[in-house]
Amino acid sequence: MTEKTLLRRIVVDPKIMLGKPVIRGTRLPVEIIVEKVAYGATIDDLRKDYPFLKGEDMRAALLYAAKRLAGNSSSLQMSMASMRISRRKQSNLKGDQRLSSQMR
């Protein structure tokens, strides 16, 4: 499986888990998988805890974390930049809505 294919398994959406990177189709944040692995969890342990996970999901989470820390994935950087722009737009809309409600 290619790097690009693996990274497609990770989603960053402000509507899901406050925009934290999660495994596609779930609400399971990448950070949970990485933390469990850091504390010694095996793939079998993760499969028991999260039976819906596939091996590719776990590898994708680790790859995403590695790329994020290294800061060298242009596709990762572009997606994060677009998420920041989207969040700013949403924030501006909410601010506009608050202003208009205060002016009434």
Foldseek 3Di string as FASTA:
>chain_A
DDLVVLLVQWDFDCVAPNRAIDGPPDNHHLVVLVVCVVVPDDPVNVCVVPVVDDPSNSVSSVSLVVCVVVVPDPVNVVVVVVNVVVVVVVVVVVVVVVVVVVVD
